[in-house]
């Protein structure tokens, strides 16, 4: 059952913020953001000891999953280190989805809910906010670690129903 606002509009929960399902849109990443994203993807793969030219998206996802699991089981990271790790792994996680499934990075505008960098399906039916998603997995050890499960569900095409242009948020 969908949670609804007082006006009856469905509400999605994203990083403990309400994102109303009205007037959603996206814009391509600005060149400087795209460059930073590419830098983070490269740094994330190097941190994991991966050669992006040789590793498959599936192999990269497995390594990201393992790293998140290791960090969750180890002692607490200082917040700035966790945020940097979340940035690198989030960019790498999102880029592998784009590489494997043809999704695209975009700046997504959720109208009253704010703007976020995320990945979207070609028809904009679904969106994922990898930076928030991975940071949340690193921050909250009580949360189920679902990064590989979500990736495998995307690969298998097991997405919840959504209309083109809906930007239904996953993750």
C-alpha atoms as a PDB file:
ATOM      1  CA  UNK A   1       0.000   0.000   0.000  1.00  0.00           C
ATOM      2  CA  UNK A   2       1.415   3.393  -0.956  1.00  0.00           C
ATOM      3  CA  UNK A   3       1.834   6.083   1.668  1.00  0.00           C
ATOM      4  CA  UNK A   4      -0.157   9.163   0.720  1.00  0.00           C
ATOM      5  CA  UNK A   5      -0.002  12.843   1.558  1.00  0.00           C
ATOM      6  CA  UNK A   6      -3.025  14.775   2.815  1.00  0.00           C
ATOM      7  CA  UNK A   7      -3.887  15.532  -0.807  1.00  0.00           C
ATOM      8  CA  UNK A   8      -3.786  11.831  -1.686  1.00  0.00           C
ATOM      9  CA  UNK A   9      -0.548  12.000  -3.727  1.00  0.00           C
ATOM     10  CA  UNK A  10       1.844   9.060  -3.232  1.00  0.00           C
ATOM     11  CA  UNK A  11       4.984   9.793  -1.260  1.00  0.00           C
ATOM     12  CA  UNK A  12       8.315   8.025  -1.689  1.00  0.00           C
ATOM     13  CA  UNK A  13      10.777   7.833   1.180  1.00  0.00           C
ATOM     14  CA  UNK A  14      14.320   8.688   0.067  1.00  0.00           C
ATOM     15  CA  UNK A  15      17.045   9.219   2.665  1.00  0.00           C
ATOM     16  CA  UNK A  16      14.404  10.083   5.264  1.00  0.00           C
ATOM     17  CA  UNK A  17      13.067  12.890   3.070  1.00  0.00           C
ATOM     18  CA  UNK A  18       9.680  13.077   1.433  1.00  0.00           C
ATOM     19  CA  UNK A  19       9.846  13.114  -2.334  1.00  0.00           C
ATOM     20  CA  UNK A  20       6.454  13.917  -3.793  1.00  0.00           C
ATOM     21  CA  UNK A  21       5.538  12.340  -7.101  1.00  0.00           C
ATOM     22  CA  UNK A  22       4.877  15.597  -8.937  1.00  0.00           C
ATOM     23  CA  UNK A  23       6.754  17.423 -11.660  1.00  0.00           C
ATOM     24  CA  UNK A  24       9.785  15.161 -11.808  1.00  0.00           C
ATOM     25  CA  UNK A  25      12.389  15.801 -14.448  1.00  0.00           C
ATOM     26  CA  UNK A  26      16.084  15.480 -15.088  1.00  0.00           C
ATOM     27  CA  UNK A  27      18.886  17.267 -16.862  1.00  0.00           C
ATOM     28  CA  UNK A  28      22.157  15.896 -18.218  1.00  0.00           C
ATOM     29  CA  UNK A  29      25.163  16.201 -15.952  1.00  0.00           C
ATOM     30  CA  UNK A  30      27.216  19.352 -16.388  1.00  0.00           C
ATOM     31  CA  UNK A  31      30.677  18.677 -17.868  1.00  0.00           C
ATOM     32  CA  UNK A  32      32.446  19.378 -14.563  1.00  0.00           C
ATOM     33  CA  UNK A  33      30.124  16.982 -12.695  1.00  0.00           C
ATOM     34  CA  UNK A  34      30.612  14.328 -15.375  1.00  0.00           C
ATOM     35  CA  UNK A  35      34.393  14.740 -15.034  1.00  0.00           C
ATOM     36  CA  UNK A  36      34.201  14.403 -11.250  1.00  0.00           C
ATOM     37  CA  UNK A  37      32.033  11.301 -11.641  1.00  0.00           C
ATOM     38  CA  UNK A  38      34.596   9.718 -13.979  1.00  0.00           C
ATOM     39  CA  UNK A  39      37.380  10.578 -11.508  1.00  0.00           C
ATOM     40  CA  UNK A  40      35.441   8.941  -8.669  1.00  0.00           C
ATOM     41  CA  UNK A  41      34.709   5.820 -10.737  1.00  0.00           C
ATOM     42  CA  UNK A  42      38.406   5.487 -11.533  1.00  0.00           C
ATOM     43  CA  UNK A  43      39.457   6.099  -7.911  1.00  0.00           C
ATOM     44  CA  UNK A  44      36.870   3.609  -6.657  1.00  0.00           C
ATOM     45  CA  UNK A  45      38.053   0.906  -9.039  1.00  0.00           C
ATOM     46  CA  UNK A  46      41.694   1.547  -8.136  1.00  0.00           C
ATOM     47  CA  UNK A  47      40.829   1.349  -4.418  1.00  0.00           C
ATOM     48  CA  UNK A  48      39.310  -2.081  -5.077  1.00  0.00           C
ATOM     49  CA  UNK A  49      42.293  -3.146  -7.210  1.00  0.00           C
ATOM     50  CA  UNK A  50      40.206  -3.427 -10.370  1.00  0.00           C
ATOM     51  CA  UNK A  51      41.147  -2.729 -13.968  1.00  0.00           C
ATOM     52  CA  UNK A  52      38.037  -1.097 -15.424  1.00  0.00           C
ATOM     53  CA  UNK A  53      39.022  -2.147 -18.938  1.00  0.00           C
ATOM     54  CA  UNK A  54      39.221  -5.808 -17.942  1.00  0.00           C
ATOM     55  CA  UNK A  55      36.599  -6.228 -15.183  1.00  0.00           C
ATOM     56  CA  UNK A  56      32.991  -6.945 -16.079  1.00  0.00           C
ATOM     57  CA  UNK A  57      30.182  -4.938 -14.453  1.00  0.00           C
ATOM     58  CA  UNK A  58      29.154  -8.129 -12.619  1.00  0.00           C
ATOM     59  CA  UNK A  59      32.684  -8.559 -11.208  1.00  0.00           C
ATOM     60  CA  UNK A  60      32.810  -4.912 -10.187  1.00  0.00           C
ATOM     61  CA  UNK A  61      29.456  -5.222  -8.414  1.00  0.00           C
ATOM     62  CA  UNK A  62      30.719  -8.259  -6.501  1.00  0.00           C
ATOM     63  CA  UNK A  63      33.797  -6.305  -5.360  1.00  0.00           C
ATOM     64  CA  UNK A  64      31.686  -3.321  -4.306  1.00  0.00           C
ATOM     65  CA  UNK A  65      29.401  -5.668  -2.370  1.00  0.00           C
ATOM     66  CA  UNK A  66      32.379  -7.275  -0.608  1.00  0.00           C
ATOM     67  CA  UNK A  67      33.910  -3.897   0.292  1.00  0.00           C
ATOM     68  CA  UNK A  68      30.652  -2.608   1.730  1.00  0.00           C
ATOM     69  CA  UNK A  69      30.325  -5.811   3.766  1.00  0.00           C
ATOM     70  CA  UNK A  70      33.876  -5.527   5.079  1.00  0.00           C
ATOM     71  CA  UNK A  71      33.387  -1.907   6.102  1.00  0.00           C
ATOM     72  CA  UNK A  72      30.078  -2.690   7.798  1.00  0.00           C
ATOM     73  CA  UNK A  73      31.706  -5.473   9.826  1.00  0.00           C
ATOM     74  CA  UNK A  74      34.762  -3.455  10.839  1.00  0.00           C
ATOM     75  CA  UNK A  75      35.118  -0.646  13.311  1.00  0.00           C
ATOM     76  CA  UNK A  76      33.416   2.674  12.718  1.00  0.00           C
ATOM     77  CA  UNK A  77      34.979   4.921  10.109  1.00  0.00           C
ATOM     78  CA  UNK A  78      35.200   8.628  10.764  1.00  0.00           C
ATOM     79  CA  UNK A  79      32.291  10.343   9.022  1.00  0.00           C
ATOM     80  CA  UNK A  80      34.435  12.072   6.392  1.00  0.00           C
ATOM     81  CA  UNK A  81      36.083   8.753   5.426  1.00  0.00           C
ATOM     82  CA  UNK A  82      32.699   7.018   5.239  1.00  0.00           C
ATOM     83  CA  UNK A  83      31.336   9.801   3.049  1.00  0.00           C
ATOM     84  CA  UNK A  84      34.332   9.627   0.709  1.00  0.00           C
ATOM     85  CA  UNK A  85      34.054   5.839   0.498  1.00  0.00           C
ATOM     86  CA  UNK A  86      30.315   6.185  -0.164  1.00  0.00           C
ATOM     87  CA  UNK A  87      31.034   8.648  -2.943  1.00  0.00           C
ATOM     88  CA  UNK A  88      33.609   6.406  -4.639  1.00  0.00           C
ATOM     89  CA  UNK A  89      31.610   3.193  -4.271  1.00  0.00           C
ATOM     90  CA  UNK A  90      28.330   4.921  -5.146  1.00  0.00           C
ATOM     91  CA  UNK A  91      29.769   6.313  -8.371  1.00  0.00           C
ATOM     92  CA  UNK A  92      31.279   2.939  -9.264  1.00  0.00           C
ATOM     93  CA  UNK A  93      28.062   1.067  -8.403  1.00  0.00           C
ATOM     94  CA  UNK A  94      25.955   3.457 -10.488  1.00  0.00           C
ATOM     95  CA  UNK A  95      28.339   3.443 -13.443  1.00  0.00           C
ATOM     96  CA  UNK A  96      28.300  -0.346 -13.656  1.00  0.00           C
ATOM     97  CA  UNK A  97      24.492  -0.274 -13.833  1.00  0.00           C
ATOM     98  CA  UNK A  98      24.785   2.264 -16.656  1.00  0.00           C
ATOM     99  CA  UNK A  99      27.407   0.165 -18.451  1.00  0.00           C
ATOM    100  CA  UNK A 100      25.471  -3.091 -18.104  1.00  0.00           C
ATOM    101  CA  UNK A 101      21.900  -1.880 -18.613  1.00  0.00           C
ATOM    102  CA  UNK A 102      22.061   1.339 -20.592  1.00  0.00           C
ATOM    103  CA  UNK A 103      20.885   3.556 -17.747  1.00  0.00           C
ATOM    104  CA  UNK A 104      22.159   7.143 -17.658  1.00  0.00           C
ATOM    105  CA  UNK A 105      23.499   9.502 -15.024  1.00  0.00           C
ATOM    106  CA  UNK A 106      21.404  12.649 -14.612  1.00  0.00           C
ATOM    107  CA  UNK A 107      20.578  15.409 -12.199  1.00  0.00           C
ATOM    108  CA  UNK A 108      17.083  14.461 -11.102  1.00  0.00           C
ATOM    109  CA  UNK A 109      14.692  17.156  -9.944  1.00  0.00           C
ATOM    110  CA  UNK A 110      12.033  15.909  -7.561  1.00  0.00           C
ATOM    111  CA  UNK A 111      10.391  19.371  -7.447  1.00  0.00           C
ATOM    112  CA  UNK A 112       9.669  19.964  -3.750  1.00  0.00           C
ATOM    113  CA  UNK A 113      11.943  17.066  -2.722  1.00  0.00           C
ATOM    114  CA  UNK A 114      15.141  18.579  -4.139  1.00  0.00           C
ATOM    115  CA  UNK A 115      17.681  17.717  -6.806  1.00  0.00           C
ATOM    116  CA  UNK A 116      19.919  14.666  -6.682  1.00  0.00           C
ATOM    117  CA  UNK A 117      22.523  13.014  -8.876  1.00  0.00           C
ATOM    118  CA  UNK A 118      21.293   9.605  -9.859  1.00  0.00           C
ATOM    119  CA  UNK A 119      20.884   7.056 -12.590  1.00  0.00           C
ATOM    120  CA  UNK A 120      17.731   6.687 -14.661  1.00  0.00           C
ATOM    121  CA  UNK A 121      16.297   4.199 -17.111  1.00  0.00           C
ATOM    122  CA  UNK A 122      16.150   5.373 -20.727  1.00  0.00           C
ATOM    123  CA  UNK A 123      12.370   5.956 -20.444  1.00  0.00           C
ATOM    124  CA  UNK A 124      12.729   7.575 -16.977  1.00  0.00           C
ATOM    125  CA  UNK A 125      10.376   5.049 -15.389  1.00  0.00           C
ATOM    126  CA  UNK A 126      12.868   4.281 -12.606  1.00  0.00           C
ATOM    127  CA  UNK A 127      15.674   6.077 -10.830  1.00  0.00           C
ATOM    128  CA  UNK A 128      18.314   5.159  -8.269  1.00  0.00           C
ATOM    129  CA  UNK A 129      20.338   7.588  -6.179  1.00  0.00           C
ATOM    130  CA  UNK A 130      23.548   5.536  -5.852  1.00  0.00           C
ATOM    131  CA  UNK A 131      25.450   8.045  -3.725  1.00  0.00           C
ATOM    132  CA  UNK A 132      22.681   8.136  -1.117  1.00  0.00           C
ATOM    133  CA  UNK A 133      21.973   4.428  -1.413  1.00  0.00           C
ATOM    134  CA  UNK A 134      25.564   3.279  -0.852  1.00  0.00           C
ATOM    135  CA  UNK A 135      26.192   5.873   1.881  1.00  0.00           C
ATOM    136  CA  UNK A 136      23.080   4.613   3.652  1.00  0.00           C
ATOM    137  CA  UNK A 137      24.362   1.031   3.509  1.00  0.00           C
ATOM    138  CA  UNK A 138      27.708   2.130   4.941  1.00  0.00           C
ATOM    139  CA  UNK A 139      26.126   4.294   7.639  1.00  0.00           C
ATOM    140  CA  UNK A 140      23.378   2.012   8.896  1.00  0.00           C
ATOM    141  CA  UNK A 141      24.549  -1.505   9.782  1.00  0.00           C
ATOM    142  CA  UNK A 142      21.001  -2.464  10.769  1.00  0.00           C
ATOM    143  CA  UNK A 143      19.836  -1.919   7.190  1.00  0.00           C
ATOM    144  CA  UNK A 144      19.967  -5.035   5.016  1.00  0.00           C
ATOM    145  CA  UNK A 145      22.979  -5.007   2.704  1.00  0.00           C
ATOM    146  CA  UNK A 146      21.199  -5.259  -0.636  1.00  0.00           C
ATOM    147  CA  UNK A 147      23.607  -3.709  -3.150  1.00  0.00           C
ATOM    148  CA  UNK A 148      24.251  -6.946  -5.032  1.00  0.00           C
ATOM    149  CA  UNK A 149      20.640  -8.089  -4.725  1.00  0.00           C
ATOM    150  CA  UNK A 150      19.382  -4.823  -6.215  1.00  0.00           C
ATOM    151  CA  UNK A 151      21.916  -5.021  -9.038  1.00  0.00           C
ATOM    152  CA  UNK A 152      20.948  -8.632  -9.828  1.00  0.00           C
ATOM    153  CA  UNK A 153      17.251  -7.719  -9.807  1.00  0.00           C
ATOM    154  CA  UNK A 154      17.945  -4.884 -12.245  1.00  0.00           C
ATOM    155  CA  UNK A 155      19.911  -7.221 -14.530  1.00  0.00           C
ATOM    156  CA  UNK A 156      17.062  -9.751 -14.404  1.00  0.00           C
ATOM    157  CA  UNK A 157      14.572  -7.016 -15.296  1.00  0.00           C
ATOM    158  CA  UNK A 158      12.647  -7.440 -12.045  1.00  0.00           C
ATOM    159  CA  UNK A 159      11.612  -3.844 -11.510  1.00  0.00           C
ATOM    160  CA  UNK A 160       8.341  -2.774  -9.947  1.00  0.00           C
ATOM    161  CA  UNK A 161       5.782  -1.468 -12.429  1.00  0.00           C
ATOM    162  CA  UNK A 162       6.208   2.208 -13.313  1.00  0.00           C
ATOM    163  CA  UNK A 163       5.161   4.473 -16.140  1.00  0.00           C
ATOM    164  CA  UNK A 164       7.609   6.234 -18.435  1.00  0.00           C
ATOM    165  CA  UNK A 165       8.607   9.539 -16.845  1.00  0.00           C
ATOM    166  CA  UNK A 166       7.574   8.433 -13.342  1.00  0.00           C
ATOM    167  CA  UNK A 167      11.109   8.303 -11.864  1.00  0.00           C
ATOM    168  CA  UNK A 168      10.081   5.617  -9.390  1.00  0.00           C
ATOM    169  CA  UNK A 169      12.955   5.530  -6.898  1.00  0.00           C
ATOM    170  CA  UNK A 170      14.589   2.177  -6.156  1.00  0.00           C
ATOM    171  CA  UNK A 171      17.171   1.378  -3.492  1.00  0.00           C
END
